Amino acid sequence: MTSAASPLSSVSSASNPGDEPYCARRAALAALRESDPATKAASARALYAAVLDGRAIWRASIELAEPAELPGRPARPELVEPRRLGRRSMQSPQGRAVLLHALAHIEFNAINLALDAVWRFGGMPVAFYTDWLKVAAEEAYHYSLLAARLAEYEHAYGDFPAHGGLWDMCERTRADVLARMALVPRTLEARGLDASPPIRARLQQAGDQASAAILDVILRDEIGHVLIGNRWFRHLCDAAGLDPHETYLRLADQYHAPKLRGPFNFEARRDAGFDEAELAALARLDAQPTTQPATDDQASPR
């Protein structure tokens, strides 16, 4: 759809028909429709840079029609049910390649999730769009790091099957920005805060220091992403006069969010804006016995 050599020119031209000013929300939709992962990642990062230096502007009130077949994605990887992915050992290069591929798939989908928030929800404060475009740009950086590391294992994104559960929640919350803020950053992305440290430890134990270092970058940035989600969730709750704790529980039930289970990264969750009441509720969950260990895929970020 676009050329990786000029990501900004391609998304800006797609978002600038005729004499209409260069609209960053239109450009975000164009980037979301891009099917090539490397081009999508480059486009997200270029668009964020364009917003920061004023080459692209926000039009919060503009109405954008949803095109068919969102998001743009490549023909591979094959998407399967999560239970078909199974466990993976990190003691072999192949097992670590499969893990890196799963993480790259998560970050590719995270670019889509953030871009979707940018274009879909009109009428929000300008800071909302800047925040989520920043998230998209950072997820794009994560994807690029993982794709490059995967290439060092002589593999590429698309070589192994993956699952489509992340976009499923995006679809479910497409008409409700409050539900999106509650259930994507505060639920799916927050799971990554819990999962990253043990995955990193296993990579380090296997001697893969380079991959472990990428997990450090991802965890650092994901704390900021969840903090953004918490901020906008509470902003929307305050504007509607809703209690955030009761509202989260209601939305999690209404939209069939994944059940939370420990162990939890309490330090990272506190840094990401979860309050003490929420952390205490998680501590009670953490104390409950579990009968089934999580697979790496179930435990992986989002």
Protein backbone atom coordinates (compact mmCIF):
# COMPACT_ATOMS: atom_id res chain seq x y z
CA MET A 1 0.00 0.00 0.00
CA THR A 2 2.84 2.40 0.83
CA SER A 3 6.58 2.59 0.44
CA ALA A 4 8.84 2.01 3.40
CA ALA A 5 11.24 4.58 1.93
CA SER A 6 8.84 7.50 2.47
CA PRO A 7 6.35 6.60 5.20
CA LEU A 8 5.36 10.15 6.07
CA SER A 9 4.73 11.25 2.49
CA SER A 10 2.51 8.25 1.90
CA VAL A 11 0.34 8.68 5.00
CA SER A 12 0.18 12.46 4.58
CA SER A 13 -0.94 12.19 0.96
CA ALA A 14 -3.55 9.61 1.94
CA SER A 15 -4.83 11.99 4.61
CA ASN A 16 -4.73 15.18 2.53
CA PRO A 17 -7.19 15.01 -0.38
CA GLY A 18 -7.34 18.18 -2.49
CA ASP A 19 -6.52 21.33 -0.55
CA GLU A 20 -7.56 19.98 2.85
CA PRO A 21 -4.92 20.61 5.57
CA TYR A 22 -2.80 17.67 6.63
CA CYS A 23 -4.93 15.95 9.29
CA ALA A 24 -3.06 13.68 11.70
CA ARG A 25 -6.16 11.61 12.47
CA ARG A 26 -6.65 10.85 8.78
CA ALA A 27 -2.98 9.96 8.54
CA ALA A 28 -3.32 7.62 11.53
CA LEU A 29 -6.16 5.83 9.75
CA ALA A 30 -4.01 5.53 6.62
CA ALA A 31 -1.20 4.03 8.72
CA LEU A 32 -3.66 1.62 10.34
CA ARG A 33 -4.74 0.41 6.90
CA GLU A 34 -1.14 -0.29 5.87
CA SER A 35 -0.56 -4.05 5.60
CA ASP A 36 3.25 -4.18 5.53
CA PRO A 37 4.51 -4.31 9.13
CA ALA A 38 7.77 -2.43 8.54
CA THR A 39 6.01 0.33 6.62
CA LYS A 40 3.28 0.59 9.25
CA ALA A 41 5.90 0.92 11.99
CA ALA A 42 7.84 3.56 10.06
CA SER A 43 4.63 5.46 9.28
CA ALA A 44 3.56 5.58 12.94
CA ARG A 45 6.93 6.93 14.03
CA ALA A 46 7.08 9.46 11.18
CA LEU A 47 3.57 10.70 11.92
CA TYR A 48 4.35 11.26 15.59
CA ALA A 49 7.45 13.25 14.60
CA ALA A 50 5.30 15.30 12.19
CA VAL A 51 2.81 16.12 14.95
CA LEU A 52 5.60 17.20 17.30
CA ASP A 53 7.15 19.58 14.77
CA GLY A 54 3.85 20.94 13.48
CA ARG A 55 3.76 19.38 10.02
CA ALA A 56 0.55 17.54 10.97
CA ILE A 57 -2.36 18.97 12.94
CA TRP A 58 -5.15 17.48 15.03
CA ARG A 59 -8.76 17.86 13.94
CA ALA A 60 -10.59 16.39 16.89
CA SER A 61 -14.10 17.07 15.60
CA ILE A 62 -13.71 15.70 12.07
CA GLU A 63 -15.92 12.72 11.24
CA LEU A 64 -14.06 9.84 9.65
CA ALA A 65 -15.82 6.92 7.94
CA GLU A 66 -14.58 3.46 8.85
CA PRO A 67 -13.20 1.59 5.84
CA ALA A 68 -13.60 -2.13 5.37
CA GLU A 69 -11.01 -4.67 6.49
CA LEU A 70 -9.32 -2.96 9.40
CA PRO A 71 -6.58 -3.31 10.38
CA GLY A 72 -4.16 -3.70 7.52
CA ARG A 73 -2.00 -6.75 8.12
CA PRO A 74 0.12 -9.12 6.06
CA ALA A 75 -1.03 -12.50 4.75
CA ARG A 76 1.22 -14.15 7.30
CA PRO A 77 1.35 -15.09 10.13
CA GLU A 78 -1.47 -17.58 10.18
CA LEU A 79 -3.90 -16.65 12.98
CA VAL A 80 -5.00 -19.54 15.18
CA GLU A 81 -6.68 -20.07 18.54
CA PRO A 82 -4.32 -19.29 21.44
CA ARG A 83 -4.58 -22.85 22.77
CA ARG A 84 -3.02 -24.14 19.54
CA LEU A 85 0.19 -22.23 20.18
CA GLY A 86 1.28 -24.27 23.19
CA ARG A 87 4.33 -23.79 25.37
CA ARG A 88 7.79 -22.93 24.14
CA SER A 89 11.19 -23.74 25.59
CA MET A 90 13.85 -21.05 25.64
CA GLN A 91 16.68 -23.53 25.90
CA SER A 92 16.95 -23.80 22.10
CA PRO A 93 17.42 -21.07 19.47
CA GLN A 94 14.20 -22.19 17.78
CA GLY A 95 12.24 -21.84 21.01
CA ARG A 96 13.60 -18.34 21.57
CA ALA A 97 12.78 -17.43 17.96
CA VAL A 98 9.18 -18.55 18.51
CA LEU A 99 8.98 -16.38 21.63
CA LEU A 100 10.45 -13.36 19.86
CA HIS A 101 7.93 -13.88 17.07
CA ALA A 102 5.07 -13.93 19.58
CA LEU A 103 6.32 -10.71 21.11
CA ALA A 104 6.72 -9.09 17.68
CA HIS A 105 3.12 -10.06 16.90
CA ILE A 106 1.97 -8.43 20.14
CA GLU A 107 3.82 -5.21 19.33
CA PHE A 108 2.53 -5.17 15.74
CA ASN A 109 -1.01 -5.44 17.08
CA ALA A 110 -0.27 -2.79 19.69
CA ILE A 111 0.59 -0.34 16.89
CA ASN A 112 -2.84 -1.05 15.43
CA LEU A 113 -4.60 -0.64 18.78
CA ALA A 114 -3.03 2.76 19.40
CA LEU A 115 -3.63 4.04 15.85
CA ASP A 116 -7.25 2.91 16.10
CA ALA A 117 -7.75 5.00 19.25
CA VAL A 118 -6.31 8.02 17.43
CA TRP A 119 -8.61 8.01 14.43
CA ARG A 120 -11.77 6.39 15.83
CA PHE A 121 -12.79 8.51 18.79
CA GLY A 122 -13.69 12.03 17.71
CA GLY A 123 -14.29 14.93 20.03
CA MET A 124 -11.58 14.10 22.56
CA PRO A 125 -9.02 16.63 23.86
CA VAL A 126 -6.00 17.14 21.63
CA ALA A 127 -3.78 15.64 24.34
CA PHE A 128 -5.65 12.34 23.97
CA TYR A 129 -4.60 12.01 20.32
CA THR A 130 -1.01 13.04 20.99
CA ASP A 131 -0.77 10.53 23.82
CA TRP A 132 -2.01 7.63 21.73
CA LEU A 133 0.09 8.53 18.73
CA LYS A 134 3.10 8.54 21.06
CA VAL A 135 2.07 5.05 22.16
CA ALA A 136 1.80 3.94 18.51
CA ALA A 137 5.28 5.30 17.77
CA GLU A 138 6.79 3.50 20.76
CA GLU A 139 5.04 0.24 19.91
CA ALA A 140 6.45 0.63 16.40
CA TYR A 141 9.94 0.99 17.87
CA HIS A 142 9.40 -2.17 19.95
CA TYR A 143 8.24 -4.06 16.86
CA SER A 144 11.33 -2.91 14.94
CA LEU A 145 13.66 -4.03 17.74
CA LEU A 146 12.03 -7.47 17.89
CA ALA A 147 11.95 -7.89 14.10
CA ALA A 148 15.65 -7.08 13.91
CA ARG A 149 16.44 -9.52 16.72
CA LEU A 150 14.29 -12.19 15.05
CA ALA A 151 16.29 -11.71 11.85
CA GLU A 152 19.44 -12.51 13.82
CA TYR A 153 17.80 -15.88 14.51
CA GLU A 154 17.27 -16.20 10.72
CA HIS A 155 13.51 -15.76 10.98
CA ALA A 156 11.02 -13.05 10.05
CA TYR A 157 7.65 -11.93 11.30
CA GLY A 158 5.11 -14.29 9.76
CA ASP A 159 7.22 -17.44 10.06
CA PHE A 160 5.17 -18.86 12.95
CA PRO A 161 1.44 -18.89 13.73
CA ALA A 162 -0.04 -16.30 16.09
CA HIS A 163 -3.41 -15.42 17.59
CA GLY A 164 -5.80 -12.52 16.95
CA GLY A 165 -7.15 -11.98 20.45
CA LEU A 166 -5.75 -8.47 20.85
CA TRP A 167 -7.71 -7.04 17.94
CA ASP A 168 -10.83 -8.86 19.13
CA MET A 169 -11.04 -6.56 22.16
CA CYS A 170 -10.50 -3.58 19.89
CA GLU A 171 -13.52 -4.68 17.86
CA ARG A 172 -15.66 -5.19 20.94
CA THR A 173 -14.96 -1.69 22.25
CA ARG A 174 -15.15 0.13 18.93
CA ALA A 175 -18.21 2.20 19.94
CA ASP A 176 -17.17 3.07 23.50
CA VAL A 177 -14.02 5.06 24.26
CA LEU A 178 -14.49 4.50 28.01
CA ALA A 179 -14.53 0.72 27.51
CA ARG A 180 -11.51 0.97 25.22
CA MET A 181 -9.50 2.82 27.86
CA ALA A 182 -10.60 0.38 30.56
CA LEU A 183 -9.95 -2.85 28.72
CA VAL A 184 -7.05 -2.31 26.34
CA PRO A 185 -4.37 -0.35 28.25
CA ARG A 186 -5.61 -1.10 31.78
CA THR A 187 -6.24 -4.81 31.17
CA LEU A 188 -4.47 -6.23 28.12
CA GLU A 189 -1.44 -3.96 28.20
CA ALA A 190 -1.20 -4.11 31.98
CA ARG A 191 -0.83 -7.89 31.72
CA GLY A 192 2.47 -7.17 29.99
CA LEU A 193 3.74 -5.42 33.10
CA ASP A 194 3.28 -8.69 34.98
CA ALA A 195 4.59 -11.00 32.27
CA SER A 196 7.71 -9.16 31.11
CA PRO A 197 9.99 -9.74 34.15
CA PRO A 198 9.69 -13.55 34.25
CA ILE A 199 10.08 -13.80 30.48
CA ARG A 200 13.13 -11.56 30.65
CA ALA A 201 14.60 -13.70 33.44
CA ARG A 202 14.19 -16.85 31.36
CA LEU A 203 15.85 -15.22 28.35
CA GLN A 204 18.75 -14.11 30.51
CA GLN A 205 19.03 -17.59 32.02
CA ALA A 206 19.20 -18.99 28.49
CA GLY A 207 22.10 -16.63 27.76
CA ASP A 208 20.15 -14.33 25.41
CA GLN A 209 21.21 -10.98 26.84
CA ALA A 210 20.30 -9.06 23.67
CA SER A 211 16.67 -10.20 23.75
CA ALA A 212 16.48 -9.60 27.51
CA ALA A 213 17.60 -6.01 26.92
CA ILE A 214 14.73 -5.50 24.49
CA LEU A 215 12.31 -6.64 27.20
CA ASP A 216 13.78 -3.93 29.45
CA VAL A 217 12.95 -1.27 26.85
CA ILE A 218 9.45 -2.63 26.36
CA LEU A 219 8.64 -2.77 30.08
CA ARG A 220 9.89 0.78 30.60
CA ASP A 221 7.67 2.12 27.83
CA GLU A 222 4.64 -0.04 28.65
CA ILE A 223 4.49 1.47 32.14
CA GLY A 224 3.98 4.81 30.40
CA HIS A 225 1.35 3.38 28.07
CA VAL A 226 -0.69 1.95 30.93
CA LEU A 227 -0.32 5.26 32.76
CA ILE A 228 -1.82 7.01 29.73
CA GLY A 229 -4.70 4.54 29.73
CA ASN A 230 -5.31 5.08 33.44
CA ARG A 231 -5.25 8.85 33.01
CA TRP A 232 -7.81 8.88 30.21
CA PHE A 233 -10.00 6.25 31.85
CA ARG A 234 -10.22 8.37 34.98
CA HIS A 235 -10.70 11.54 32.93
CA LEU A 236 -13.72 9.99 31.22
CA CYS A 237 -15.08 8.62 34.49
CA ASP A 238 -14.76 12.03 36.14
CA ALA A 239 -16.47 13.74 33.20
CA ALA A 240 -19.41 11.31 33.44
CA GLY A 241 -19.57 11.28 37.25
CA LEU A 242 -18.71 7.57 37.41
CA ASP A 243 -16.83 5.69 40.10
CA PRO A 244 -13.75 4.26 38.33
CA HIS A 245 -13.60 1.05 40.39
CA GLU A 246 -17.24 0.10 39.89
CA THR A 247 -17.12 1.18 36.26
CA TYR A 248 -14.09 -0.97 35.50
CA LEU A 249 -15.73 -4.07 37.00
CA ARG A 250 -18.92 -3.41 35.06
CA LEU A 251 -17.10 -2.95 31.75
CA ALA A 252 -14.85 -5.97 32.28
CA ASP A 253 -17.97 -8.10 32.75
CA GLN A 254 -19.92 -6.48 29.91
CA TYR A 255 -17.13 -6.90 27.35
CA HIS A 256 -15.89 -10.29 28.61
CA ALA A 257 -12.39 -9.12 29.48
CA PRO A 258 -9.80 -11.76 30.36
CA LYS A 259 -9.81 -12.73 34.03
CA LEU A 260 -6.89 -11.27 35.93
CA ARG A 261 -4.50 -13.66 37.61
CA GLY A 262 -1.13 -13.33 39.29
CA PRO A 263 1.63 -13.08 39.90
CA PHE A 264 1.35 -9.29 39.50
CA ASN A 265 4.10 -6.72 39.11
CA PHE A 266 2.87 -4.41 41.85
CA GLU A 267 5.72 -1.93 41.54
CA ALA A 268 5.19 -1.46 37.80
CA ARG A 269 1.41 -1.26 38.20
CA ARG A 270 1.79 1.41 40.88
CA ASP A 271 4.11 3.38 38.58
CA ALA A 272 1.52 2.96 35.82
CA GLY A 273 -1.18 4.68 37.86
CA PHE A 274 -3.13 1.93 39.57
CA ASP A 275 -4.31 3.16 42.95
CA GLU A 276 -3.92 1.40 46.29
CA ALA A 277 -7.48 0.03 46.28
CA GLU A 278 -6.86 -1.62 42.91
CA LEU A 279 -3.52 -3.00 44.02
CA ALA A 280 -5.10 -4.41 47.19
CA ALA A 281 -7.73 -6.18 45.09
CA LEU A 282 -4.98 -7.67 42.94
CA ALA A 283 -3.11 -8.78 46.05
CA ARG A 284 -6.19 -10.72 47.14
CA LEU A 285 -6.31 -12.40 43.71
CA ASP A 286 -2.59 -13.13 43.93
CA ALA A 287 -3.12 -14.96 47.21
CA GLN A 288 -5.67 -17.33 45.69
CA PRO A 289 -4.31 -20.74 44.65
CA THR A 290 -4.09 -21.45 40.93
CA THR A 291 -4.65 -24.90 39.48
CA GLN A 292 -3.24 -24.31 36.01
CA PRO A 293 0.07 -22.64 35.17
CA ALA A 294 -0.01 -20.08 32.41
CA THR A 295 1.67 -20.90 29.13
CA ASP A 296 4.15 -18.37 27.83
CA ASP A 297 1.57 -17.22 25.30
CA GLN A 298 -1.11 -16.75 27.93
CA ALA A 299 1.35 -14.89 30.13
CA SER A 300 2.95 -12.83 27.39
CA PRO A 301 2.21 -9.09 27.32
CA ARG A 302 -1.40 -8.53 26.20
